[in-house]
């Protein structure tokens, strides 16, 4: 059955596959809902978005995504509260960042109404797929890639915007062991590290694989000049607590302006937690670990919200972090998830009802 709203054409699936899903045992991002949103850019303009049954995408071998890597994405979640109401968390920030990434990758920017109206319509159509189990949510993946064809090295003339939904369980369980990287770099000044470009993540896989072979779960990225400064934790922003002060690096060409990162900084300020946004040297962290003033390290991002670090390795030595009874990580994660799941007050206006 097909219907059309003012800006979106909707084609509903004939038979849902929802009864085939074990919602009690959801892996992260491996099960997909009945529908997806697609929107094509052709002849210099974005066309009307469509919601269609989830299905493969057909592309020619000469599509430029395969050759020149014009691809960007976002990571978001939708949450269902105890009354089955559905909520988004700071979605306009995701749209803004998508267009920041688009501009850097020479991709046409996407109108806000297409993003927001399309996302709401898709979530409303597949709202029964949003899990209610503790720690579970609907992971949302908006992305744009070059669908125009040609082997000449130039921006494409056609693009495709897609939103897919994946009901998901927790991204990480437990604490992680990380290795401070001194050879490979995630990004460089003047590069695309601040954009959510697919190639940023592809370039991380090999160094991370090497770290895993050494017994670590993830890599702590350092600057591309002298590997002197702490920058990110795997695919997440990083926070470090020395004594009672919470530190994180400033955003730059190399560091993603994470939405969870910004939220943590605002909540910490409201709760009176001392924070500093500044460059953090590797040596400072090592010395703090030796002196016992290093209390916590954790990654922050959409998928995991907060991922505590139990151990970091540097130049052949592992440094274990202490068990903190009232950790900033758990305190800040609770504040954020209480807002996301409509369990607590939202003094910042971050929560949006679908």
C-alpha atoms as a PDB file:
ATOM      1  CA  UNK A   1       0.000   0.000   0.000  1.00  0.00           C
ATOM      2  CA  UNK A   2       1.304   3.440  -0.931  1.00  0.00           C
ATOM      3  CA  UNK A   3       0.451   6.825   0.554  1.00  0.00           C
ATOM      4  CA  UNK A   4       1.862  10.320   0.149  1.00  0.00           C
ATOM      5  CA  UNK A   5       2.217  13.019   2.773  1.00  0.00           C
ATOM      6  CA  UNK A   6       3.050  16.579   1.803  1.00  0.00           C
ATOM      7  CA  UNK A   7       6.763  15.867   1.353  1.00  0.00           C
ATOM      8  CA  UNK A   8       7.178  12.081   1.580  1.00  0.00           C
ATOM      9  CA  UNK A   9       5.901   9.176  -0.496  1.00  0.00           C
ATOM     10  CA  UNK A  10       5.388   6.025   1.612  1.00  0.00           C
ATOM     11  CA  UNK A  11       5.303   2.486   0.249  1.00  0.00           C
ATOM     12  CA  UNK A  12       4.470   0.011   3.017  1.00  0.00           C
ATOM     13  CA  UNK A  13       5.773  -3.540   3.138  1.00  0.00           C
ATOM     14  CA  UNK A  14       3.189  -6.274   2.491  1.00  0.00           C
ATOM     15  CA  UNK A  15       4.330  -8.639   5.253  1.00  0.00           C
ATOM     16  CA  UNK A  16       6.386  -7.513   8.254  1.00  0.00           C
ATOM     17  CA  UNK A  17       9.341  -9.618   9.374  1.00  0.00           C
ATOM     18  CA  UNK A  18       9.131  -8.379  12.956  1.00  0.00           C
ATOM     19  CA  UNK A  19       7.891 -11.761  14.236  1.00  0.00           C
ATOM     20  CA  UNK A  20      11.211 -13.297  13.145  1.00  0.00           C
ATOM     21  CA  UNK A  21      13.257 -11.126  15.526  1.00  0.00           C
ATOM     22  CA  UNK A  22      14.366 -12.138  19.026  1.00  0.00           C
ATOM     23  CA  UNK A  23      14.130  -8.795  20.799  1.00  0.00           C
ATOM     24  CA  UNK A  24      15.532 -10.270  24.001  1.00  0.00           C
ATOM     25  CA  UNK A  25      18.881 -10.986  22.340  1.00  0.00           C
ATOM     26  CA  UNK A  26      19.646  -8.132  19.978  1.00  0.00           C
ATOM     27  CA  UNK A  27      23.195  -7.657  18.776  1.00  0.00           C
ATOM     28  CA  UNK A  28      24.204  -4.108  17.895  1.00  0.00           C
ATOM     29  CA  UNK A  29      23.299  -2.981  14.377  1.00  0.00           C
ATOM     30  CA  UNK A  30      22.683  -6.398  12.797  1.00  0.00           C
ATOM     31  CA  UNK A  31      18.873  -6.550  12.539  1.00  0.00           C
ATOM     32  CA  UNK A  32      16.997  -4.076  10.337  1.00  0.00           C
ATOM     33  CA  UNK A  33      13.397  -2.884  10.307  1.00  0.00           C
ATOM     34  CA  UNK A  34      10.809  -3.260   7.557  1.00  0.00           C
ATOM     35  CA  UNK A  35      11.366   0.114   5.914  1.00  0.00           C
ATOM     36  CA  UNK A  36      14.060   2.595   4.878  1.00  0.00           C
ATOM     37  CA  UNK A  37      14.046   6.157   3.638  1.00  0.00           C
ATOM     38  CA  UNK A  38      15.717   7.061   0.339  1.00  0.00           C
ATOM     39  CA  UNK A  39      16.173  10.421  -1.360  1.00  0.00           C
ATOM     40  CA  UNK A  40      18.096  11.071  -4.578  1.00  0.00           C
ATOM     41  CA  UNK A  41      20.021  14.149  -5.644  1.00  0.00           C
ATOM     42  CA  UNK A  42      19.745  14.634  -9.416  1.00  0.00           C
ATOM     43  CA  UNK A  43      19.866  17.575 -11.820  1.00  0.00           C
ATOM     44  CA  UNK A  44      21.159  19.885  -9.105  1.00  0.00           C
ATOM     45  CA  UNK A  45      18.444  19.278  -6.503  1.00  0.00           C
ATOM     46  CA  UNK A  46      17.271  16.823  -3.857  1.00  0.00           C
ATOM     47  CA  UNK A  47      14.128  14.998  -4.975  1.00  0.00           C
ATOM     48  CA  UNK A  48      11.126  14.142  -2.777  1.00  0.00           C
ATOM     49  CA  UNK A  49      12.081  11.552  -0.128  1.00  0.00           C
ATOM     50  CA  UNK A  50      10.477   8.112  -0.251  1.00  0.00           C
ATOM     51  CA  UNK A  51       9.950   5.473   2.403  1.00  0.00           C
ATOM     52  CA  UNK A  52      10.136   2.018   0.863  1.00  0.00           C
ATOM     53  CA  UNK A  53      10.533  -1.576   2.079  1.00  0.00           C
ATOM     54  CA  UNK A  54      14.084  -2.325   3.286  1.00  0.00           C
ATOM     55  CA  UNK A  55      15.951  -3.723   0.278  1.00  0.00           C
ATOM     56  CA  UNK A  56      19.321  -3.833  -1.512  1.00  0.00           C
ATOM     57  CA  UNK A  57      20.579  -0.763  -3.370  1.00  0.00           C
ATOM     58  CA  UNK A  58      21.539  -1.237  -7.020  1.00  0.00           C
ATOM     59  CA  UNK A  59      24.563   0.704  -8.306  1.00  0.00           C
ATOM     60  CA  UNK A  60      26.657   0.680 -11.447  1.00  0.00           C
ATOM     61  CA  UNK A  61      30.308  -0.414 -11.088  1.00  0.00           C
ATOM     62  CA  UNK A  62      31.300   3.096 -12.174  1.00  0.00           C
ATOM     63  CA  UNK A  63      29.428   4.749  -9.276  1.00  0.00           C
ATOM     64  CA  UNK A  64      31.861   7.220  -7.746  1.00  0.00           C
ATOM     65  CA  UNK A  65      31.392   5.977  -4.189  1.00  0.00           C
ATOM     66  CA  UNK A  66      33.488   2.950  -5.171  1.00  0.00           C
ATOM     67  CA  UNK A  67      36.346   5.015  -6.594  1.00  0.00           C
ATOM     68  CA  UNK A  68      36.616   8.334  -4.751  1.00  0.00           C
ATOM     69  CA  UNK A  69      34.964   7.647  -1.421  1.00  0.00           C
ATOM     70  CA  UNK A  70      32.374  10.411  -1.184  1.00  0.00           C
ATOM     71  CA  UNK A  71      30.477   8.966   1.755  1.00  0.00           C
ATOM     72  CA  UNK A  72      29.284  10.457   5.042  1.00  0.00           C
ATOM     73  CA  UNK A  73      27.006   9.225   7.817  1.00  0.00           C
ATOM     74  CA  UNK A  74      25.491   9.978  11.181  1.00  0.00           C
ATOM     75  CA  UNK A  75      24.737   7.877  14.256  1.00  0.00           C
ATOM     76  CA  UNK A  76      21.566   8.498  16.259  1.00  0.00           C
ATOM     77  CA  UNK A  77      19.101   6.637  18.447  1.00  0.00           C
ATOM     78  CA  UNK A  78      15.381   6.614  19.179  1.00  0.00           C
ATOM     79  CA  UNK A  79      14.137   5.601  22.619  1.00  0.00           C
ATOM     80  CA  UNK A  80      10.842   4.200  23.885  1.00  0.00           C
ATOM     81  CA  UNK A  81       9.706   5.099  27.400  1.00  0.00           C
ATOM     82  CA  UNK A  82       7.496   3.087  29.789  1.00  0.00           C
ATOM     83  CA  UNK A  83       4.360   4.544  28.158  1.00  0.00           C
ATOM     84  CA  UNK A  84       5.499   3.516  24.642  1.00  0.00           C
ATOM     85  CA  UNK A  85       6.183   7.116  23.648  1.00  0.00           C
ATOM     86  CA  UNK A  86       9.123   7.550  21.242  1.00  0.00           C
ATOM     87  CA  UNK A  87      11.870  10.136  21.721  1.00  0.00           C
ATOM     88  CA  UNK A  88      14.876  11.477  19.838  1.00  0.00           C
ATOM     89  CA  UNK A  89      17.957  13.074  21.417  1.00  0.00           C
ATOM     90  CA  UNK A  90      19.303  16.303  19.880  1.00  0.00           C
ATOM     91  CA  UNK A  91      18.405  15.301  16.271  1.00  0.00           C
ATOM     92  CA  UNK A  92      18.961  18.792  14.873  1.00  0.00           C
ATOM     93  CA  UNK A  93      22.594  18.531  15.965  1.00  0.00           C
ATOM     94  CA  UNK A  94      22.899  15.384  13.850  1.00  0.00           C
ATOM     95  CA  UNK A  95      21.438  17.153  10.831  1.00  0.00           C
ATOM     96  CA  UNK A  96      23.770  20.110  11.319  1.00  0.00           C
ATOM     97  CA  UNK A  97      26.797  17.827  11.578  1.00  0.00           C
ATOM     98  CA  UNK A  98      25.706  15.819   8.532  1.00  0.00           C
ATOM     99  CA  UNK A  99      25.795  19.005   6.481  1.00  0.00           C
ATOM    100  CA  UNK A 100      29.163  20.031   7.960  1.00  0.00           C
ATOM    101  CA  UNK A 101      30.498  16.664   6.776  1.00  0.00           C
ATOM    102  CA  UNK A 102      28.743  17.071   3.419  1.00  0.00           C
ATOM    103  CA  UNK A 103      30.351  20.449   2.783  1.00  0.00           C
ATOM    104  CA  UNK A 104      33.841  19.118   3.545  1.00  0.00           C
ATOM    105  CA  UNK A 105      33.334  16.132   1.210  1.00  0.00           C
ATOM    106  CA  UNK A 106      31.863  18.265  -1.630  1.00  0.00           C
ATOM    107  CA  UNK A 107      28.441  16.629  -1.215  1.00  0.00           C
ATOM    108  CA  UNK A 108      25.256  18.739  -1.611  1.00  0.00           C
ATOM    109  CA  UNK A 109      23.797  19.734   1.745  1.00  0.00           C
ATOM    110  CA  UNK A 110      20.476  18.144   2.708  1.00  0.00           C
ATOM    111  CA  UNK A 111      17.435  20.292   3.623  1.00  0.00           C
ATOM    112  CA  UNK A 112      16.466  20.117   7.291  1.00  0.00           C
ATOM    113  CA  UNK A 113      12.825  19.319   6.539  1.00  0.00           C
ATOM    114  CA  UNK A 114      13.785  16.270   4.460  1.00  0.00           C
ATOM    115  CA  UNK A 115      15.955  14.979   7.290  1.00  0.00           C
ATOM    116  CA  UNK A 116      13.547  15.646  10.151  1.00  0.00           C
ATOM    117  CA  UNK A 117      10.229  14.872   8.461  1.00  0.00           C
ATOM    118  CA  UNK A 118      11.670  11.785   6.805  1.00  0.00           C
ATOM    119  CA  UNK A 119      13.155  10.528  10.075  1.00  0.00           C
ATOM    120  CA  UNK A 120       9.928  11.082  12.033  1.00  0.00           C
ATOM    121  CA  UNK A 121       7.797   9.401   9.365  1.00  0.00           C
ATOM    122  CA  UNK A 122      10.123   6.401   9.207  1.00  0.00           C
ATOM    123  CA  UNK A 123      10.212   5.985  12.982  1.00  0.00           C
ATOM    124  CA  UNK A 124       6.445   6.331  13.215  1.00  0.00           C
ATOM    125  CA  UNK A 125       5.975   3.646  10.560  1.00  0.00           C
ATOM    126  CA  UNK A 126       8.368   1.206  12.286  1.00  0.00           C
ATOM    127  CA  UNK A 127       7.726   2.241  15.904  1.00  0.00           C
ATOM    128  CA  UNK A 128       6.768  -1.315  16.917  1.00  0.00           C
ATOM    129  CA  UNK A 129      10.380  -2.287  16.216  1.00  0.00           C
ATOM    130  CA  UNK A 130      11.760   0.038  18.901  1.00  0.00           C
ATOM    131  CA  UNK A 131      12.795  -2.221  21.810  1.00  0.00           C
ATOM    132  CA  UNK A 132      11.935  -1.484  25.434  1.00  0.00           C
ATOM    133  CA  UNK A 133      14.438  -3.791  27.130  1.00  0.00           C
ATOM    134  CA  UNK A 134      16.826  -1.964  29.461  1.00  0.00           C
ATOM    135  CA  UNK A 135      19.891  -0.795  27.528  1.00  0.00           C
ATOM    136  CA  UNK A 136      18.228  -1.308  24.150  1.00  0.00           C
ATOM    137  CA  UNK A 137      17.166   1.341  21.648  1.00  0.00           C
ATOM    138  CA  UNK A 138      16.615   1.949  17.958  1.00  0.00           C
ATOM    139  CA  UNK A 139      19.922   2.773  16.289  1.00  0.00           C
ATOM    140  CA  UNK A 140      19.469   5.175  13.374  1.00  0.00           C
ATOM    141  CA  UNK A 141      21.933   5.385  10.503  1.00  0.00           C
ATOM    142  CA  UNK A 142      21.468   8.316   8.078  1.00  0.00           C
ATOM    143  CA  UNK A 143      24.052   8.364   5.285  1.00  0.00           C
ATOM    144  CA  UNK A 144      24.817   9.990   1.932  1.00  0.00           C
ATOM    145  CA  UNK A 145      27.015   8.586  -0.807  1.00  0.00           C
ATOM    146  CA  UNK A 146      27.984   9.378  -4.400  1.00  0.00           C
ATOM    147  CA  UNK A 147      25.763   7.383  -6.776  1.00  0.00           C
ATOM    148  CA  UNK A 148      26.724   9.294  -9.926  1.00  0.00           C
ATOM    149  CA  UNK A 149      28.911   7.376 -12.338  1.00  0.00           C
ATOM    150  CA  UNK A 150      32.264   8.082 -13.983  1.00  0.00           C
ATOM    151  CA  UNK A 151      35.962   7.379 -13.582  1.00  0.00           C
ATOM    152  CA  UNK A 152      37.065  11.041 -13.736  1.00  0.00           C
ATOM    153  CA  UNK A 153      38.371  12.289 -10.377  1.00  0.00           C
ATOM    154  CA  UNK A 154      35.768  14.907  -9.511  1.00  0.00           C
ATOM    155  CA  UNK A 155      32.690  15.194  -7.300  1.00  0.00           C
ATOM    156  CA  UNK A 156      29.716  13.137  -8.470  1.00  0.00           C
ATOM    157  CA  UNK A 157      26.647  14.715 -10.059  1.00  0.00           C
ATOM    158  CA  UNK A 158      24.217  12.358  -8.300  1.00  0.00           C
ATOM    159  CA  UNK A 159      23.923  11.287  -4.650  1.00  0.00           C
ATOM    160  CA  UNK A 160      21.682   9.129  -2.506  1.00  0.00           C
ATOM    161  CA  UNK A 161      20.536   9.863   1.031  1.00  0.00           C
ATOM    162  CA  UNK A 162      19.336   6.871   3.050  1.00  0.00           C
ATOM    163  CA  UNK A 163      18.104   6.277   6.601  1.00  0.00           C
ATOM    164  CA  UNK A 164      18.097   2.711   7.942  1.00  0.00           C
ATOM    165  CA  UNK A 165      16.901   1.588  11.371  1.00  0.00           C
ATOM    166  CA  UNK A 166      18.373  -1.190  13.517  1.00  0.00           C
ATOM    167  CA  UNK A 167      16.827  -2.231  16.845  1.00  0.00           C
ATOM    168  CA  UNK A 168      19.877  -2.851  18.992  1.00  0.00           C
ATOM    169  CA  UNK A 169      21.096  -3.993  22.366  1.00  0.00           C
ATOM    170  CA  UNK A 170      24.060  -2.500  24.206  1.00  0.00           C
ATOM    171  CA  UNK A 171      27.107  -1.576  22.099  1.00  0.00           C
ATOM    172  CA  UNK A 172      29.728  -2.386  24.741  1.00  0.00           C
ATOM    173  CA  UNK A 173      29.549  -4.470  27.871  1.00  0.00           C
ATOM    174  CA  UNK A 174      32.083  -3.963  30.619  1.00  0.00           C
ATOM    175  CA  UNK A 175      35.270  -1.928  30.619  1.00  0.00           C
ATOM    176  CA  UNK A 176      37.836  -1.815  27.826  1.00  0.00           C
ATOM    177  CA  UNK A 177      41.608  -2.069  27.629  1.00  0.00           C
ATOM    178  CA  UNK A 178      43.224   0.430  25.260  1.00  0.00           C
ATOM    179  CA  UNK A 179      46.619   1.041  23.659  1.00  0.00           C
ATOM    180  CA  UNK A 180      48.014   4.532  23.113  1.00  0.00           C
ATOM    181  CA  UNK A 181      48.971   4.648  19.423  1.00  0.00           C
ATOM    182  CA  UNK A 182      52.327   6.182  18.441  1.00  0.00           C
ATOM    183  CA  UNK A 183      52.776   5.186  14.803  1.00  0.00           C
ATOM    184  CA  UNK A 184      49.462   5.531  12.998  1.00  0.00           C
ATOM    185  CA  UNK A 185      47.249   8.624  12.968  1.00  0.00           C
ATOM    186  CA  UNK A 186      43.487   8.843  12.709  1.00  0.00           C
ATOM    187  CA  UNK A 187      43.552  12.253  11.003  1.00  0.00           C
ATOM    188  CA  UNK A 188      45.689  15.321  10.304  1.00  0.00           C
ATOM    189  CA  UNK A 189      45.438  19.104  10.328  1.00  0.00           C
ATOM    190  CA  UNK A 190      43.533  20.317   7.297  1.00  0.00           C
ATOM    191  CA  UNK A 191      42.081  16.847   6.761  1.00  0.00           C
ATOM    192  CA  UNK A 192      38.633  15.371   7.288  1.00  0.00           C
ATOM    193  CA  UNK A 193      38.910  14.097  10.874  1.00  0.00           C
ATOM    194  CA  UNK A 194      36.093  16.398  12.032  1.00  0.00           C
ATOM    195  CA  UNK A 195      33.710  14.952   9.424  1.00  0.00           C
ATOM    196  CA  UNK A 196      31.868  11.648   9.786  1.00  0.00           C
ATOM    197  CA  UNK A 197      33.331  10.373   6.539  1.00  0.00           C
ATOM    198  CA  UNK A 198      33.425   6.644   5.894  1.00  0.00           C
ATOM    199  CA  UNK A 199      37.134   6.660   5.075  1.00  0.00           C
ATOM    200  CA  UNK A 200      38.015   7.951   8.548  1.00  0.00           C
ATOM    201  CA  UNK A 201      36.762   4.718  10.027  1.00  0.00           C
ATOM    202  CA  UNK A 202      38.242   2.472   7.343  1.00  0.00           C
ATOM    203  CA  UNK A 203      41.672   3.922   8.144  1.00  0.00           C
ATOM    204  CA  UNK A 204      41.254   3.023  11.831  1.00  0.00           C
ATOM    205  CA  UNK A 205      40.604  -0.660  11.314  1.00  0.00           C
ATOM    206  CA  UNK A 206      44.170  -1.823  10.619  1.00  0.00           C
ATOM    207  CA  UNK A 207      45.887  -0.116  13.606  1.00  0.00           C
ATOM    208  CA  UNK A 208      43.022  -1.292  15.828  1.00  0.00           C
ATOM    209  CA  UNK A 209      43.483  -4.834  14.529  1.00  0.00           C
ATOM    210  CA  UNK A 210      47.157  -4.667  15.483  1.00  0.00           C
ATOM    211  CA  UNK A 211      46.209  -3.506  18.988  1.00  0.00           C
ATOM    212  CA  UNK A 212      43.681  -6.345  19.335  1.00  0.00           C
ATOM    213  CA  UNK A 213      46.423  -8.826  18.431  1.00  0.00           C
ATOM    214  CA  UNK A 214      48.394  -7.463  21.399  1.00  0.00           C
ATOM    215  CA  UNK A 215      45.504  -8.045  23.774  1.00  0.00           C
ATOM    216  CA  UNK A 216      43.803  -4.635  23.721  1.00  0.00           C
ATOM    217  CA  UNK A 217      40.224  -3.763  22.775  1.00  0.00           C
ATOM    218  CA  UNK A 218      40.808  -0.359  21.227  1.00  0.00           C
ATOM    219  CA  UNK A 219      43.285   2.357  20.334  1.00  0.00           C
ATOM    220  CA  UNK A 220      43.785   5.783  21.894  1.00  0.00           C
ATOM    221  CA  UNK A 221      44.615   8.126  19.036  1.00  0.00           C
ATOM    222  CA  UNK A 222      47.266  10.813  19.408  1.00  0.00           C
ATOM    223  CA  UNK A 223      48.141  13.835  17.278  1.00  0.00           C
ATOM    224  CA  UNK A 224      49.724  13.303  13.867  1.00  0.00           C
ATOM    225  CA  UNK A 225      52.761  15.537  14.561  1.00  0.00           C
ATOM    226  CA  UNK A 226      54.645  14.000  17.488  1.00  0.00           C
ATOM    227  CA  UNK A 227      52.040  11.671  19.010  1.00  0.00           C
ATOM    228  CA  UNK A 228      52.284  13.873  22.071  1.00  0.00           C
ATOM    229  CA  UNK A 229      48.616  14.686  22.741  1.00  0.00           C
ATOM    230  CA  UNK A 230      45.633  12.441  23.542  1.00  0.00           C
ATOM    231  CA  UNK A 231      42.884  12.939  20.958  1.00  0.00           C
ATOM    232  CA  UNK A 232      40.207  10.223  20.653  1.00  0.00           C
ATOM    233  CA  UNK A 233      39.360   6.733  21.937  1.00  0.00           C
ATOM    234  CA  UNK A 234      38.704   4.462  18.988  1.00  0.00           C
ATOM    235  CA  UNK A 235      35.647   5.934  17.264  1.00  0.00           C
ATOM    236  CA  UNK A 236      34.697   7.988  20.333  1.00  0.00           C
ATOM    237  CA  UNK A 237      35.666  11.198  22.053  1.00  0.00           C
ATOM    238  CA  UNK A 238      37.708  10.680  25.207  1.00  0.00           C
ATOM    239  CA  UNK A 239      37.384  12.050  28.737  1.00  0.00           C
ATOM    240  CA  UNK A 240      40.063  11.811  31.432  1.00  0.00           C
ATOM    241  CA  UNK A 241      39.575  12.502  35.140  1.00  0.00           C
ATOM    242  CA  UNK A 242      42.639  13.639  37.067  1.00  0.00           C
ATOM    243  CA  UNK A 243      41.839  14.168  40.755  1.00  0.00           C
ATOM    244  CA  UNK A 244      38.338  15.684  40.529  1.00  0.00           C
ATOM    245  CA  UNK A 245      38.751  17.519  37.219  1.00  0.00           C
ATOM    246  CA  UNK A 246      37.279  16.126  34.005  1.00  0.00           C
ATOM    247  CA  UNK A 247      39.432  16.796  30.940  1.00  0.00           C
ATOM    248  CA  UNK A 248      38.765  16.458  27.221  1.00  0.00           C
ATOM    249  CA  UNK A 249      40.579  17.747  24.170  1.00  0.00           C
ATOM    250  CA  UNK A 250      39.285  20.672  22.086  1.00  0.00           C
ATOM    251  CA  UNK A 251      37.591  19.973  18.773  1.00  0.00           C
ATOM    252  CA  UNK A 252      39.673  20.691  15.680  1.00  0.00           C
ATOM    253  CA  UNK A 253      40.233  19.540  12.101  1.00  0.00           C
ATOM    254  CA  UNK A 254      41.244  16.202  13.622  1.00  0.00           C
ATOM    255  CA  UNK A 255      38.598  15.653  16.307  1.00  0.00           C
ATOM    256  CA  UNK A 256      34.890  15.006  15.803  1.00  0.00           C
ATOM    257  CA  UNK A 257      32.490  17.412  17.496  1.00  0.00           C
ATOM    258  CA  UNK A 258      30.628  14.637  19.302  1.00  0.00           C
ATOM    259  CA  UNK A 259      27.046  15.227  20.433  1.00  0.00           C
ATOM    260  CA  UNK A 260      27.518  13.011  23.485  1.00  0.00           C
ATOM    261  CA  UNK A 261      30.751  14.916  24.219  1.00  0.00           C
ATOM    262  CA  UNK A 262      28.901  18.247  24.193  1.00  0.00           C
ATOM    263  CA  UNK A 263      26.134  16.821  26.361  1.00  0.00           C
ATOM    264  CA  UNK A 264      28.599  15.521  28.954  1.00  0.00           C
ATOM    265  CA  UNK A 265      30.304  18.903  29.190  1.00  0.00           C
ATOM    266  CA  UNK A 266      26.972  20.710  29.737  1.00  0.00           C
ATOM    267  CA  UNK A 267      25.746  18.227  32.329  1.00  0.00           C
ATOM    268  CA  UNK A 268      29.088  18.307  34.156  1.00  0.00           C
ATOM    269  CA  UNK A 269      28.935  22.094  34.306  1.00  0.00           C
ATOM    270  CA  UNK A 270      25.372  21.994  35.655  1.00  0.00           C
ATOM    271  CA  UNK A 271      26.353  19.440  38.310  1.00  0.00           C
ATOM    272  CA  UNK A 272      29.378  21.418  39.418  1.00  0.00           C
ATOM    273  CA  UNK A 273      31.977  18.962  38.132  1.00  0.00           C
ATOM    274  CA  UNK A 274      35.189  20.872  37.316  1.00  0.00           C
ATOM    275  CA  UNK A 275      35.938  20.548  33.589  1.00  0.00           C
ATOM    276  CA  UNK A 276      38.757  21.663  31.327  1.00  0.00           C
ATOM    277  CA  UNK A 277      38.707  21.584  27.524  1.00  0.00           C
ATOM    278  CA  UNK A 278      42.370  21.689  26.560  1.00  0.00           C
ATOM    279  CA  UNK A 279      45.164  19.670  25.036  1.00  0.00           C
ATOM    280  CA  UNK A 280      46.111  16.670  27.167  1.00  0.00           C
ATOM    281  CA  UNK A 281      49.597  15.225  26.858  1.00  0.00           C
ATOM    282  CA  UNK A 282      50.286  11.505  26.988  1.00  0.00           C
ATOM    283  CA  UNK A 283      53.005  12.208  29.550  1.00  0.00           C
ATOM    284  CA  UNK A 284      50.540  14.001  31.810  1.00  0.00           C
ATOM    285  CA  UNK A 285      48.255  10.964  31.812  1.00  0.00           C
ATOM    286  CA  UNK A 286      51.141   8.552  32.439  1.00  0.00           C
ATOM    287  CA  UNK A 287      52.453  10.664  35.340  1.00  0.00           C
ATOM    288  CA  UNK A 288      48.961  10.909  36.833  1.00  0.00           C
ATOM    289  CA  UNK A 289      48.633   7.105  36.636  1.00  0.00           C
ATOM    290  CA  UNK A 290      51.978   6.702  38.427  1.00  0.00           C
ATOM    291  CA  UNK A 291      51.036   9.181  41.157  1.00  0.00           C
ATOM    292  CA  UNK A 292      47.546   7.748  41.660  1.00  0.00           C
ATOM    293  CA  UNK A 293      45.753  10.940  40.637  1.00  0.00           C
ATOM    294  CA  UNK A 294      44.348   9.398  37.429  1.00  0.00           C
ATOM    295  CA  UNK A 295      40.847   8.382  38.529  1.00  0.00           C
ATOM    296  CA  UNK A 296      38.972   7.640  35.295  1.00  0.00           C
ATOM    297  CA  UNK A 297      39.197   7.444  31.518  1.00  0.00           C
ATOM    298  CA  UNK A 298      36.183   6.823  29.309  1.00  0.00           C
ATOM    299  CA  UNK A 299      35.053   7.086  25.720  1.00  0.00           C
ATOM    300  CA  UNK A 300      31.873   8.962  24.822  1.00  0.00           C
ATOM    301  CA  UNK A 301      29.709   8.447  21.753  1.00  0.00           C
ATOM    302  CA  UNK A 302      26.208   7.738  20.508  1.00  0.00           C
ATOM    303  CA  UNK A 303      26.446   3.957  20.363  1.00  0.00           C
ATOM    304  CA  UNK A 304      27.889   3.278  23.829  1.00  0.00           C
ATOM    305  CA  UNK A 305      27.040   6.660  25.461  1.00  0.00           C
ATOM    306  CA  UNK A 306      29.914   6.145  27.933  1.00  0.00           C
ATOM    307  CA  UNK A 307      32.496   3.344  27.740  1.00  0.00           C
ATOM    308  CA  UNK A 308      34.788   3.128  30.810  1.00  0.00           C
ATOM    309  CA  UNK A 309      38.461   2.278  30.281  1.00  0.00           C
ATOM    310  CA  UNK A 310      40.007  -0.134  32.792  1.00  0.00           C
ATOM    311  CA  UNK A 311      43.614  -0.177  31.501  1.00  0.00           C
ATOM    312  CA  UNK A 312      45.763   1.749  29.056  1.00  0.00           C
ATOM    313  CA  UNK A 313      49.005   0.547  27.544  1.00  0.00           C
ATOM    314  CA  UNK A 314      51.934   2.793  26.637  1.00  0.00           C
ATOM    315  CA  UNK A 315      55.418   1.781  25.480  1.00  0.00           C
ATOM    316  CA  UNK A 316      55.167  -1.743  26.779  1.00  0.00           C
ATOM    317  CA  UNK A 317      53.679  -0.907  30.192  1.00  0.00           C
ATOM    318  CA  UNK A 318      50.030  -1.355  31.206  1.00  0.00           C
ATOM    319  CA  UNK A 319      48.506   1.119  33.660  1.00  0.00           C
ATOM    320  CA  UNK A 320      45.396  -0.038  35.524  1.00  0.00           C
ATOM    321  CA  UNK A 321      42.811   2.513  36.568  1.00  0.00           C
ATOM    322  CA  UNK A 322      41.308   2.327  40.063  1.00  0.00           C
ATOM    323  CA  UNK A 323      37.763   1.251  40.853  1.00  0.00           C
ATOM    324  CA  UNK A 324      35.936   4.487  41.689  1.00  0.00           C
ATOM    325  CA  UNK A 325      32.829   4.029  43.815  1.00  0.00           C
ATOM    326  CA  UNK A 326      30.993   7.130  42.555  1.00  0.00           C
ATOM    327  CA  UNK A 327      32.465   7.485  39.094  1.00  0.00           C
ATOM    328  CA  UNK A 328      31.829  10.428  36.795  1.00  0.00           C
ATOM    329  CA  UNK A 329      31.292   7.915  33.976  1.00  0.00           C
ATOM    330  CA  UNK A 330      28.308   6.208  35.615  1.00  0.00           C
ATOM    331  CA  UNK A 331      26.916   9.480  36.960  1.00  0.00           C
ATOM    332  CA  UNK A 332      27.023  11.240  33.592  1.00  0.00           C
ATOM    333  CA  UNK A 333      25.744   8.215  31.677  1.00  0.00           C
ATOM    334  CA  UNK A 334      22.742   8.010  33.982  1.00  0.00           C
ATOM    335  CA  UNK A 335      21.905  11.677  33.480  1.00  0.00           C
ATOM    336  CA  UNK A 336      22.063  11.325  29.705  1.00  0.00           C
ATOM    337  CA  UNK A 337      20.116   8.068  29.491  1.00  0.00           C
ATOM    338  CA  UNK A 338      17.472   9.372  31.891  1.00  0.00           C
ATOM    339  CA  UNK A 339      16.892  12.256  29.481  1.00  0.00           C
ATOM    340  CA  UNK A 340      16.936   9.979  26.441  1.00  0.00           C
ATOM    341  CA  UNK A 341      14.430   7.482  27.858  1.00  0.00           C
ATOM    342  CA  UNK A 342      12.179  10.205  29.357  1.00  0.00           C
ATOM    343  CA  UNK A 343      12.966   9.064  32.910  1.00  0.00           C
ATOM    344  CA  UNK A 344      14.290  12.387  34.154  1.00  0.00           C
ATOM    345  CA  UNK A 345      14.085  16.140  33.681  1.00  0.00           C
ATOM    346  CA  UNK A 346      15.486  17.675  30.497  1.00  0.00           C
ATOM    347  CA  UNK A 347      16.523  21.212  31.460  1.00  0.00           C
ATOM    348  CA  UNK A 348      18.440  21.590  28.178  1.00  0.00           C
ATOM    349  CA  UNK A 349      15.589  20.924  25.734  1.00  0.00           C
ATOM    350  CA  UNK A 350      17.425  18.023  24.092  1.00  0.00           C
ATOM    351  CA  UNK A 351      14.553  15.523  24.022  1.00  0.00           C
ATOM    352  CA  UNK A 352      12.170  15.530  21.042  1.00  0.00           C
ATOM    353  CA  UNK A 353       8.963  13.507  20.885  1.00  0.00           C
ATOM    354  CA  UNK A 354       8.205  11.628  17.646  1.00  0.00           C
END
